[in-house]
Amino acid sequence: MNDPDGRYASLSIRQRPCADGKPVSYLARRLLPDPERLTVLAYVPTQAGDRLDVFAARVLGDGDQWWRVADAHLLIHPEDLEEPVGRRLTVPLPEIGK
């Protein structure tokens, strides 16, 4: 199931045949947006105990939107954004059409 508000919502569903000929469905590759092209909503400091989902819930009102903050920082490991406490994170507005 593809969450209509999730980061994969706008991706197409593709199919390819397996070795036995049965089709396998998969989502097209998601390319990260260029952080320089995102519209910044705010720069918000982290608080003690913030995980990225807790931060997103506090700032965006939805912990499932943590990936928007992660996209603005181009990190492989989003948990790297959780330290040090007080670090100001870029919070982008949703991209148009996403």
PDB file of N, CA and C in Angstrom:
ATOM      1  N   MET A   1       0.854  -1.172   0.000  1.00  0.00           N
ATOM      2  CA  MET A   1       0.000   0.000   0.000  1.00  0.00           C
ATOM      3  C   MET A   1       0.899   1.235   0.000  1.00  0.00           C
ATOM      4  N   ASN A   2       0.559   2.206  -0.781  1.00  0.00           N
ATOM      5  CA  ASN A   2       1.341   3.426  -0.896  1.00  0.00           C
ATOM      6  C   ASN A   2       0.579   4.570  -0.225  1.00  0.00           C
ATOM      7  N   ASP A   3       1.150   5.100   0.853  1.00  0.00           N
ATOM      8  CA  ASP A   3       0.532   6.192   1.613  1.00  0.00           C
ATOM      9  C   ASP A   3       0.347   7.409   0.704  1.00  0.00           C
ATOM     10  N   PRO A   4      -0.878   7.917   0.547  1.00  0.00           N
ATOM     11  CA  PRO A   4      -1.111   9.060  -0.347  1.00  0.00           C
ATOM     12  C   PRO A   4      -0.434  10.348   0.125  1.00  0.00           C
ATOM     13  N   ASP A   5      -0.025  10.415   1.384  1.00  0.00           N
ATOM     14  CA  ASP A   5       0.691  11.583   1.899  1.00  0.00           C
ATOM     15  C   ASP A   5       2.174  11.304   2.102  1.00  0.00           C
ATOM     16  N   GLY A   6       2.622  10.130   1.719  1.00  0.00           N
ATOM     17  CA  GLY A   6       4.006   9.725   1.942  1.00  0.00           C
ATOM     18  C   GLY A   6       4.950  10.179   0.845  1.00  0.00           C
ATOM     19  N   ARG A   7       6.213   9.902   1.069  1.00  0.00           N
ATOM     20  CA  ARG A   7       7.251  10.350   0.127  1.00  0.00           C
ATOM     21  C   ARG A   7       7.239   9.597  -1.192  1.00  0.00           C
ATOM     22  N   TYR A   8       6.541   8.473  -1.255  1.00  0.00           N
ATOM     23  CA  TYR A   8       6.488   7.705  -2.497  1.00  0.00           C
ATOM     24  C   TYR A   8       5.170   7.880  -3.248  1.00  0.00           C
ATOM     25  N   ALA A   9       4.293   8.749  -2.752  1.00  0.00           N
ATOM     26  CA  ALA A   9       2.940   8.889  -3.303  1.00  0.00           C
ATOM     27  C   ALA A   9       2.916   9.248  -4.787  1.00  0.00           C
ATOM     28  N   SER A  10       3.847  10.065  -5.231  1.00  0.00           N
ATOM     29  CA  SER A  10       3.809  10.529  -6.620  1.00  0.00           C
ATOM     30  C   SER A  10       4.548   9.597  -7.592  1.00  0.00           C
ATOM     31  N   LEU A  11       5.106   8.524  -7.082  1.00  0.00           N
ATOM     32  CA  LEU A  11       5.864   7.619  -7.946  1.00  0.00           C
ATOM     33  C   LEU A  11       4.954   6.645  -8.671  1.00  0.00           C
ATOM     34  N   SER A  12       5.344   6.304  -9.867  1.00  0.00           N
ATOM     35  CA  SER A  12       4.549   5.353 -10.640  1.00  0.00           C
ATOM     36  C   SER A  12       4.864   3.921 -10.192  1.00  0.00           C
ATOM     37  N   ILE A  13       3.894   3.050 -10.385  1.00  0.00           N
ATOM     38  CA  ILE A  13       4.084   1.630 -10.105  1.00  0.00           C
ATOM     39  C   ILE A  13       4.480   0.981 -11.422  1.00  0.00           C
ATOM     40  N   ARG A  14       5.576   0.261 -11.384  1.00  0.00           N
ATOM     41  CA  ARG A  14       6.091  -0.398 -12.583  1.00  0.00           C
ATOM     42  C   ARG A  14       6.060  -1.900 -12.389  1.00  0.00           C
ATOM     43  N   GLN A  15       6.200  -2.619 -13.490  1.00  0.00           N
ATOM     44  CA  GLN A  15       6.249  -4.078 -13.436  1.00  0.00           C
ATOM     45  C   GLN A  15       7.384  -4.588 -14.302  1.00  0.00           C
ATOM     46  N   ARG A  16       7.912  -5.724 -13.870  1.00  0.00           N
ATOM     47  CA  ARG A  16       8.892  -6.427 -14.693  1.00  0.00           C
ATOM     48  C   ARG A  16       8.707  -7.909 -14.460  1.00  0.00           C
ATOM     49  N   PRO A  17       9.035  -8.729 -15.424  1.00  0.00           N
ATOM     50  CA  PRO A  17       8.849 -10.164 -15.251  1.00  0.00           C
ATOM     51  C   PRO A  17      10.004 -10.785 -14.456  1.00  0.00           C
ATOM     52  N   CYS A  18       9.667 -11.762 -13.632  1.00  0.00           N
ATOM     53  CA  CYS A  18      10.683 -12.553 -12.937  1.00  0.00           C
ATOM     54  C   CYS A  18      11.192 -13.628 -13.898  1.00  0.00           C
ATOM     55  N   ALA A  19      12.134 -14.400 -13.442  1.00  0.00           N
ATOM     56  CA  ALA A  19      12.699 -15.478 -14.265  1.00  0.00           C
ATOM     57  C   ALA A  19      11.620 -16.475 -14.688  1.00  0.00           C
ATOM     58  N   ASP A  20      10.607 -16.670 -13.825  1.00  0.00           N
ATOM     59  CA  ASP A  20       9.534 -17.615 -14.161  1.00  0.00           C
ATOM     60  C   ASP A  20       8.440 -16.970 -15.004  1.00  0.00           C
ATOM     61  N   GLY A  21       8.600 -15.680 -15.350  1.00  0.00           N
ATOM     62  CA  GLY A  21       7.636 -14.990 -16.192  1.00  0.00           C
ATOM     63  C   GLY A  21       6.546 -14.253 -15.439  1.00  0.00           C
ATOM     64  N   LYS A  22       6.416 -14.483 -14.144  1.00  0.00           N
ATOM     65  CA  LYS A  22       5.396 -13.783 -13.355  1.00  0.00           C
ATOM     66  C   LYS A  22       5.815 -12.333 -13.151  1.00  0.00           C
ATOM     67  N   PRO A  23       4.856 -11.410 -13.269  1.00  0.00           N
ATOM     68  CA  PRO A  23       5.210  -9.996 -13.088  1.00  0.00           C
ATOM     69  C   PRO A  23       5.410  -9.639 -11.606  1.00  0.00           C
ATOM     70  N   VAL A  24       6.356  -8.767 -11.375  1.00  0.00           N
ATOM     71  CA  VAL A  24       6.612  -8.229 -10.040  1.00  0.00           C
ATOM     72  C   VAL A  24       6.428  -6.723 -10.128  1.00  0.00           C
ATOM     73  N   SER A  25       5.609  -6.192  -9.230  1.00  0.00           N
ATOM     74  CA  SER A  25       5.371  -4.742  -9.204  1.00  0.00           C
ATOM     75  C   SER A  25       6.362  -4.075  -8.261  1.00  0.00           C
ATOM     76  N   TYR A  26       6.762  -2.867  -8.620  1.00  0.00           N
ATOM     77  CA  TYR A  26       7.666  -2.091  -7.776  1.00  0.00           C
ATOM     78  C   TYR A  26       7.436  -0.612  -8.045  1.00  0.00           C
ATOM     79  N   LEU A  27       7.875   0.216  -7.120  1.00  0.00           N
ATOM     80  CA  LEU A  27       7.765   1.663  -7.306  1.00  0.00           C
ATOM     81  C   LEU A  27       8.973   2.183  -8.057  1.00  0.00           C
ATOM     82  N   ALA A  28       8.747   3.164  -8.890  1.00  0.00           N
ATOM     83  CA  ALA A  28       9.855   3.816  -9.594  1.00  0.00           C
ATOM     84  C   ALA A  28      10.792   4.447  -8.566  1.00  0.00           C
ATOM     85  N   ARG A  29      12.001   4.680  -8.960  1.00  0.00           N
ATOM     86  CA  ARG A  29      12.994   5.255  -8.070  1.00  0.00           C
ATOM     87  C   ARG A  29      12.616   6.671  -7.665  1.00  0.00           C
ATOM     88  N   ARG A  30      12.807   6.983  -6.394  1.00  0.00           N
ATOM     89  CA  ARG A  30      12.545   8.328  -5.882  1.00  0.00           C
ATOM     90  C   ARG A  30      13.861   9.099  -5.843  1.00  0.00           C
ATOM     91  N   LEU A  31      13.904  10.202  -6.540  1.00  0.00           N
ATOM     92  CA  LEU A  31      15.079  11.064  -6.513  1.00  0.00           C
ATOM     93  C   LEU A  31      14.870  12.157  -5.473  1.00  0.00           C
ATOM     94  N   LEU A  32      15.884  12.417  -4.693  1.00  0.00           N
ATOM     95  CA  LEU A  32      15.778  13.452  -3.670  1.00  0.00           C
ATOM     96  C   LEU A  32      15.706  14.828  -4.306  1.00  0.00           C
ATOM     97  N   PRO A  33      14.912  15.709  -3.726  1.00  0.00           N
ATOM     98  CA  PRO A  33      14.855  17.073  -4.252  1.00  0.00           C
ATOM     99  C   PRO A  33      16.148  17.814  -3.917  1.00  0.00           C
ATOM    100  N   ASP A  34      16.458  18.816  -4.695  1.00  0.00           N
ATOM    101  CA  ASP A  34      17.619  19.664  -4.427  1.00  0.00           C
ATOM    102  C   ASP A  34      17.260  20.578  -3.255  1.00  0.00           C
ATOM    103  N   PRO A  35      17.969  20.472  -2.131  1.00  0.00           N
ATOM    104  CA  PRO A  35      17.634  21.307  -0.969  1.00  0.00           C
ATOM    105  C   PRO A  35      17.660  22.803  -1.272  1.00  0.00           C
ATOM    106  N   GLU A  36      18.476  23.210  -2.221  1.00  0.00           N
ATOM    107  CA  GLU A  36      18.560  24.626  -2.589  1.00  0.00           C
ATOM    108  C   GLU A  36      17.278  25.123  -3.251  1.00  0.00           C
ATOM    109  N   ARG A  37      16.488  24.212  -3.788  1.00  0.00           N
ATOM    110  CA  ARG A  37      15.261  24.599  -4.483  1.00  0.00           C
ATOM    111  C   ARG A  37      14.022  24.488  -3.605  1.00  0.00           C
ATOM    112  N   LEU A  38      14.176  23.964  -2.378  1.00  0.00           N
ATOM    113  CA  LEU A  38      13.045  23.851  -1.466  1.00  0.00           C
ATOM    114  C   LEU A  38      12.732  25.208  -0.857  1.00  0.00           C
ATOM    115  N   THR A  39      11.465  25.470  -0.621  1.00  0.00           N
ATOM    116  CA  THR A  39      11.050  26.691   0.059  1.00  0.00           C
ATOM    117  C   THR A  39      11.079  26.423   1.558  1.00  0.00           C
ATOM    118  N   VAL A  40      11.849  27.235   2.279  1.00  0.00           N
ATOM    119  CA  VAL A  40      12.016  27.023   3.710  1.00  0.00           C
ATOM    120  C   VAL A  40      10.854  27.634   4.481  1.00  0.00           C
ATOM    121  N   LEU A  41      10.241  26.809   5.319  1.00  0.00           N
ATOM    122  CA  LEU A  41       9.183  27.262   6.214  1.00  0.00           C
ATOM    123  C   LEU A  41       9.807  27.910   7.446  1.00  0.00           C
ATOM    124  N   ALA A  42      10.829  27.237   8.007  1.00  0.00           N
ATOM    125  CA  ALA A  42      11.456  27.743   9.236  1.00  0.00           C
ATOM    126  C   ALA A  42      12.754  26.994   9.498  1.00  0.00           C
ATOM    127  N   TYR A  43      13.547  27.556  10.401  1.00  0.00           N
ATOM    128  CA  TYR A  43      14.725  26.898  10.956  1.00  0.00           C
ATOM    129  C   TYR A  43      14.398  26.710  12.432  1.00  0.00           C
ATOM    130  N   VAL A  44      14.284  25.456  12.858  1.00  0.00           N
ATOM    131  CA  VAL A  44      13.788  25.160  14.199  1.00  0.00           C
ATOM    132  C   VAL A  44      14.822  24.333  14.963  1.00  0.00           C
ATOM    133  N   PRO A  45      15.164  24.752  16.197  1.00  0.00           N
ATOM    134  CA  PRO A  45      16.124  23.969  16.985  1.00  0.00           C
ATOM    135  C   PRO A  45      15.493  22.685  17.526  1.00  0.00           C
ATOM    136  N   THR A  46      16.318  21.646  17.603  1.00  0.00           N
ATOM    137  CA  THR A  46      15.864  20.398  18.207  1.00  0.00           C
ATOM    138  C   THR A  46      15.804  20.558  19.722  1.00  0.00           C
ATOM    139  N   GLN A  47      15.032  19.685  20.355  1.00  0.00           N
ATOM    140  CA  GLN A  47      14.913  19.683  21.804  1.00  0.00           C
ATOM    141  C   GLN A  47      15.393  18.336  22.335  1.00  0.00           C
ATOM    142  N   ALA A  48      15.706  18.284  23.605  1.00  0.00           N
ATOM    143  CA  ALA A  48      16.129  17.033  24.230  1.00  0.00           C
ATOM    144  C   ALA A  48      15.057  15.967  23.990  1.00  0.00           C
ATOM    145  N   GLY A  49      15.489  14.796  23.589  1.00  0.00           N
ATOM    146  CA  GLY A  49      14.564  13.694  23.350  1.00  0.00           C
ATOM    147  C   GLY A  49      13.952  13.673  21.967  1.00  0.00           C
ATOM    148  N   ASP A  50      14.255  14.670  21.142  1.00  0.00           N
ATOM    149  CA  ASP A  50      13.702  14.680  19.782  1.00  0.00           C
ATOM    150  C   ASP A  50      14.298  13.565  18.938  1.00  0.00           C
ATOM    151  N   ARG A  51      13.423  12.732  18.402  1.00  0.00           N
ATOM    152  CA  ARG A  51      13.768  11.903  17.259  1.00  0.00           C
ATOM    153  C   ARG A  51      13.215  12.682  16.076  1.00  0.00           C
ATOM    154  N   LEU A  52      13.567  12.302  14.881  1.00  0.00           N
ATOM    155  CA  LEU A  52      13.111  13.071  13.730  1.00  0.00           C
ATOM    156  C   LEU A  52      11.594  13.038  13.589  1.00  0.00           C
ATOM    157  N   ASP A  53      10.972  11.915  13.917  1.00  0.00           N
ATOM    158  CA  ASP A  53       9.505  11.846  13.837  1.00  0.00           C
ATOM    159  C   ASP A  53       8.844  12.703  14.917  1.00  0.00           C
ATOM    160  N   VAL A  54       9.451  12.756  16.095  1.00  0.00           N
ATOM    161  CA  VAL A  54       8.910  13.591  17.179  1.00  0.00           C
ATOM    162  C   VAL A  54       9.061  15.069  16.804  1.00  0.00           C
ATOM    163  N   PHE A  55      10.205  15.402  16.235  1.00  0.00           N
ATOM    164  CA  PHE A  55      10.456  16.778  15.768  1.00  0.00           C
ATOM    165  C   PHE A  55       9.407  17.169  14.720  1.00  0.00           C
ATOM    166  N   ALA A  56       9.187  16.286  13.735  1.00  0.00           N
ATOM    167  CA  ALA A  56       8.211  16.576  12.672  1.00  0.00           C
ATOM    168  C   ALA A  56       6.796  16.715  13.239  1.00  0.00           C
ATOM    169  N   ALA A  57       6.462  15.901  14.213  1.00  0.00           N
ATOM    170  CA  ALA A  57       5.134  16.005  14.831  1.00  0.00           C
ATOM    171  C   ALA A  57       4.976  17.355  15.519  1.00  0.00           C
ATOM    172  N   ARG A  58       6.027  17.792  16.213  1.00  0.00           N
ATOM    173  CA  ARG A  58       5.965  19.072  16.925  1.00  0.00           C
ATOM    174  C   ARG A  58       5.916  20.253  15.957  1.00  0.00           C
ATOM    175  N   VAL A  59       6.702  20.193  14.902  1.00  0.00           N
ATOM    176  CA  VAL A  59       6.846  21.343  13.992  1.00  0.00           C
ATOM    177  C   VAL A  59       5.832  21.332  12.852  1.00  0.00           C
ATOM    178  N   LEU A  60       5.579  20.145  12.291  1.00  0.00           N
ATOM    179  CA  LEU A  60       4.687  20.034  11.128  1.00  0.00           C
ATOM    180  C   LEU A  60       3.307  19.482  11.478  1.00  0.00           C
ATOM    181  N   GLY A  61       3.172  18.976  12.701  1.00  0.00           N
ATOM    182  CA  GLY A  61       1.887  18.422  13.110  1.00  0.00           C
ATOM    183  C   GLY A  61       1.662  16.994  12.666  1.00  0.00           C
ATOM    184  N   ASP A  62       2.698  16.350  12.101  1.00  0.00           N
ATOM    185  CA  ASP A  62       2.568  14.982  11.610  1.00  0.00           C
ATOM    186  C   ASP A  62       3.937  14.314  11.633  1.00  0.00           C
ATOM    187  N   GLY A  63       4.126  13.368  12.535  1.00  0.00           N
ATOM    188  CA  GLY A  63       5.402  12.676  12.648  1.00  0.00           C
ATOM    189  C   GLY A  63       5.778  11.876  11.418  1.00  0.00           C
ATOM    190  N   ASP A  64       4.787  11.492  10.612  1.00  0.00           N
ATOM    191  CA  ASP A  64       5.071  10.745   9.387  1.00  0.00           C
ATOM    192  C   ASP A  64       5.726  11.614   8.309  1.00  0.00           C
ATOM    193  N   GLN A  65       5.799  12.906   8.543  1.00  0.00           N
ATOM    194  CA  GLN A  65       6.411  13.816   7.564  1.00  0.00           C
ATOM    195  C   GLN A  65       7.892  14.088   7.864  1.00  0.00           C
ATOM    196  N   TRP A  66       8.499  13.259   8.713  1.00  0.00           N
ATOM    197  CA  TRP A  66       9.915  13.414   9.069  1.00  0.00           C
ATOM    198  C   TRP A  66      10.817  13.456   7.845  1.00  0.00           C
ATOM    199  N   TRP A  67      10.428  12.758   6.807  1.00  0.00           N
ATOM    200  CA  TRP A  67      11.253  12.660   5.606  1.00  0.00           C
ATOM    201  C   TRP A  67      11.408  14.004   4.900  1.00  0.00           C
ATOM    202  N   ARG A  68      10.464  14.918   5.086  1.00  0.00           N
ATOM    203  CA  ARG A  68      10.596  16.252   4.483  1.00  0.00           C
ATOM    204  C   ARG A  68      11.795  16.988   5.077  1.00  0.00           C
ATOM    205  N   VAL A  69      11.958  16.867   6.394  1.00  0.00           N
ATOM    206  CA  VAL A  69      13.097  17.493   7.064  1.00  0.00           C
ATOM    207  C   VAL A  69      14.388  16.792   6.627  1.00  0.00           C
ATOM    208  N   ALA A  70      14.353  15.485   6.567  1.00  0.00           N
ATOM    209  CA  ALA A  70      15.537  14.731   6.139  1.00  0.00           C
ATOM    210  C   ALA A  70      15.946  15.113   4.713  1.00  0.00           C
ATOM    211  N   ASP A  71      14.979  15.257   3.814  1.00  0.00           N
ATOM    212  CA  ASP A  71      15.287  15.642   2.431  1.00  0.00           C
ATOM    213  C   ASP A  71      16.002  16.986   2.357  1.00  0.00           C
ATOM    214  N   ALA A  72      15.671  17.894   3.254  1.00  0.00           N
ATOM    215  CA  ALA A  72      16.273  19.228   3.232  1.00  0.00           C
ATOM    216  C   ALA A  72      17.739  19.210   3.657  1.00  0.00           C
ATOM    217  N   HIS A  73      18.199  18.069   4.182  1.00  0.00           N
ATOM    218  CA  HIS A  73      19.565  17.980   4.684  1.00  0.00           C
ATOM    219  C   HIS A  73      20.438  16.984   3.931  1.00  0.00           C
ATOM    220  N   LEU A  74      19.885  16.239   2.985  1.00  0.00           N
ATOM    221  CA  LEU A  74      20.630  15.282   2.162  1.00  0.00           C
ATOM    222  C   LEU A  74      21.554  14.367   2.955  1.00  0.00           C
ATOM    223  N   LEU A  75      21.032  13.738   3.979  1.00  0.00           N
ATOM    224  CA  LEU A  75      21.827  12.806   4.761  1.00  0.00           C
ATOM    225  C   LEU A  75      21.427  11.371   4.463  1.00  0.00           C
ATOM    226  N   ILE A  76      22.398  10.484   4.519  1.00  0.00           N
ATOM    227  CA  ILE A  76      22.119   9.062   4.347  1.00  0.00           C
ATOM    228  C   ILE A  76      21.393   8.521   5.574  1.00  0.00           C
ATOM    229  N   HIS A  77      21.800   8.974   6.755  1.00  0.00           N
ATOM    230  CA  HIS A  77      21.230   8.501   8.019  1.00  0.00           C
ATOM    231  C   HIS A  77      20.488   9.650   8.692  1.00  0.00           C
ATOM    232  N   PRO A  78      19.172   9.718   8.551  1.00  0.00           N
ATOM    233  CA  PRO A  78      18.408  10.833   9.125  1.00  0.00           C
ATOM    234  C   PRO A  78      18.604  11.018  10.628  1.00  0.00           C
ATOM    235  N   GLU A  79      18.925   9.928  11.345  1.00  0.00           N
ATOM    236  CA  GLU A  79      19.129  10.062  12.788  1.00  0.00           C
ATOM    237  C   GLU A  79      20.310  10.975  13.119  1.00  0.00           C
ATOM    238  N   ASP A  80      21.166  11.240  12.144  1.00  0.00           N
ATOM    239  CA  ASP A  80      22.270  12.173  12.352  1.00  0.00           C
ATOM    240  C   ASP A  80      21.769  13.589  12.639  1.00  0.00           C
ATOM    241  N   LEU A  81      20.518  13.876  12.298  1.00  0.00           N
ATOM    242  CA  LEU A  81      19.955  15.208  12.538  1.00  0.00           C
ATOM    243  C   LEU A  81      19.522  15.405  13.996  1.00  0.00           C
ATOM    244  N   GLU A  82      19.479  14.336  14.760  1.00  0.00           N
ATOM    245  CA  GLU A  82      18.941  14.406  16.115  1.00  0.00           C
ATOM    246  C   GLU A  82      19.928  14.945  17.151  1.00  0.00           C
ATOM    247  N   GLU A  83      21.179  15.012  16.830  1.00  0.00           N
ATOM    248  CA  GLU A  83      22.216  15.512  17.744  1.00  0.00           C
ATOM    249  C   GLU A  83      23.001  16.604  17.039  1.00  0.00           C
ATOM    250  N   PRO A  84      23.528  17.556  17.726  1.00  0.00           N
ATOM    251  CA  PRO A  84      23.363  17.846  19.148  1.00  0.00           C
ATOM    252  C   PRO A  84      22.016  18.519  19.420  1.00  0.00           C
ATOM    253  N   VAL A  85      21.569  18.444  20.659  1.00  0.00           N
ATOM    254  CA  VAL A  85      20.336  19.122  21.061  1.00  0.00           C
ATOM    255  C   VAL A  85      20.516  20.620  20.804  1.00  0.00           C
ATOM    256  N   GLY A  86      19.507  21.230  20.243  1.00  0.00           N
ATOM    257  CA  GLY A  86      19.569  22.650  19.914  1.00  0.00           C
ATOM    258  C   GLY A  86      20.001  22.935  18.486  1.00  0.00           C
ATOM    259  N   ARG A  87      20.366  21.879  17.761  1.00  0.00           N
ATOM    260  CA  ARG A  87      20.739  22.063  16.345  1.00  0.00           C
ATOM    261  C   ARG A  87      19.526  22.597  15.598  1.00  0.00           C
ATOM    262  N   ARG A  88      19.736  23.619  14.786  1.00  0.00           N
ATOM    263  CA  ARG A  88      18.637  24.207  14.004  1.00  0.00           C
ATOM    264  C   ARG A  88      18.478  23.423  12.712  1.00  0.00           C
ATOM    265  N   LEU A  89      17.288  22.864  12.531  1.00  0.00           N
ATOM    266  CA  LEU A  89      16.992  22.092  11.333  1.00  0.00           C
ATOM    267  C   LEU A  89      16.161  22.915  10.360  1.00  0.00           C
ATOM    268  N   THR A  90      16.455  22.734   9.102  1.00  0.00           N
ATOM    269  CA  THR A  90      15.676  23.366   8.047  1.00  0.00           C
ATOM    270  C   THR A  90      14.373  22.599   7.891  1.00  0.00           C
ATOM    271  N   VAL A  91      13.272  23.305   7.938  1.00  0.00           N
ATOM    272  CA  VAL A  91      11.938  22.710   7.762  1.00  0.00           C
ATOM    273  C   VAL A  91      11.363  23.289   6.478  1.00  0.00           C
ATOM    274  N   PRO A  92      11.271  22.470   5.417  1.00  0.00           N
ATOM    275  CA  PRO A  92      10.753  22.977   4.147  1.00  0.00           C
ATOM    276  C   PRO A  92       9.239  22.876   4.045  1.00  0.00           C
ATOM    277  N   LEU A  93       8.670  23.709   3.202  1.00  0.00           N
ATOM    278  CA  LEU A  93       7.263  23.561   2.828  1.00  0.00           C
ATOM    279  C   LEU A  93       7.172  22.356   1.889  1.00  0.00           C
ATOM    280  N   PRO A  94       6.016  21.699   1.808  1.00  0.00           N
ATOM    281  CA  PRO A  94       5.872  20.610   0.830  1.00  0.00           C
ATOM    282  C   PRO A  94       6.085  21.138  -0.574  1.00  0.00           C
ATOM    283  N   GLU A  95       6.670  20.307  -1.414  1.00  0.00           N
ATOM    284  CA  GLU A  95       6.845  20.690  -2.813  1.00  0.00           C
ATOM    285  C   GLU A  95       5.487  20.731  -3.496  1.00  0.00           C
ATOM    286  N   ILE A  96       5.337  21.584  -4.469  1.00  0.00           N
ATOM    287  CA  ILE A  96       4.090  21.698  -5.206  1.00  0.00           C
ATOM    288  C   ILE A  96       3.816  20.369  -5.915  1.00  0.00           C
ATOM    289  N   GLY A  97       2.597  19.888  -5.776  1.00  0.00           N
ATOM    290  CA  GLY A  97       2.220  18.639  -6.423  1.00  0.00           C
ATOM    291  C   GLY A  97       2.629  17.408  -5.676  1.00  0.00           C
ATOM    292  N   LYS A  98       3.166  17.549  -4.473  1.00  0.00           N
ATOM    293  CA  LYS A  98       3.615  16.381  -3.705  1.00  0.00           C
ATOM    294  C   LYS A  98       2.866  16.291  -2.426  1.00  0.00           C
TER     295      LYS A  98
END
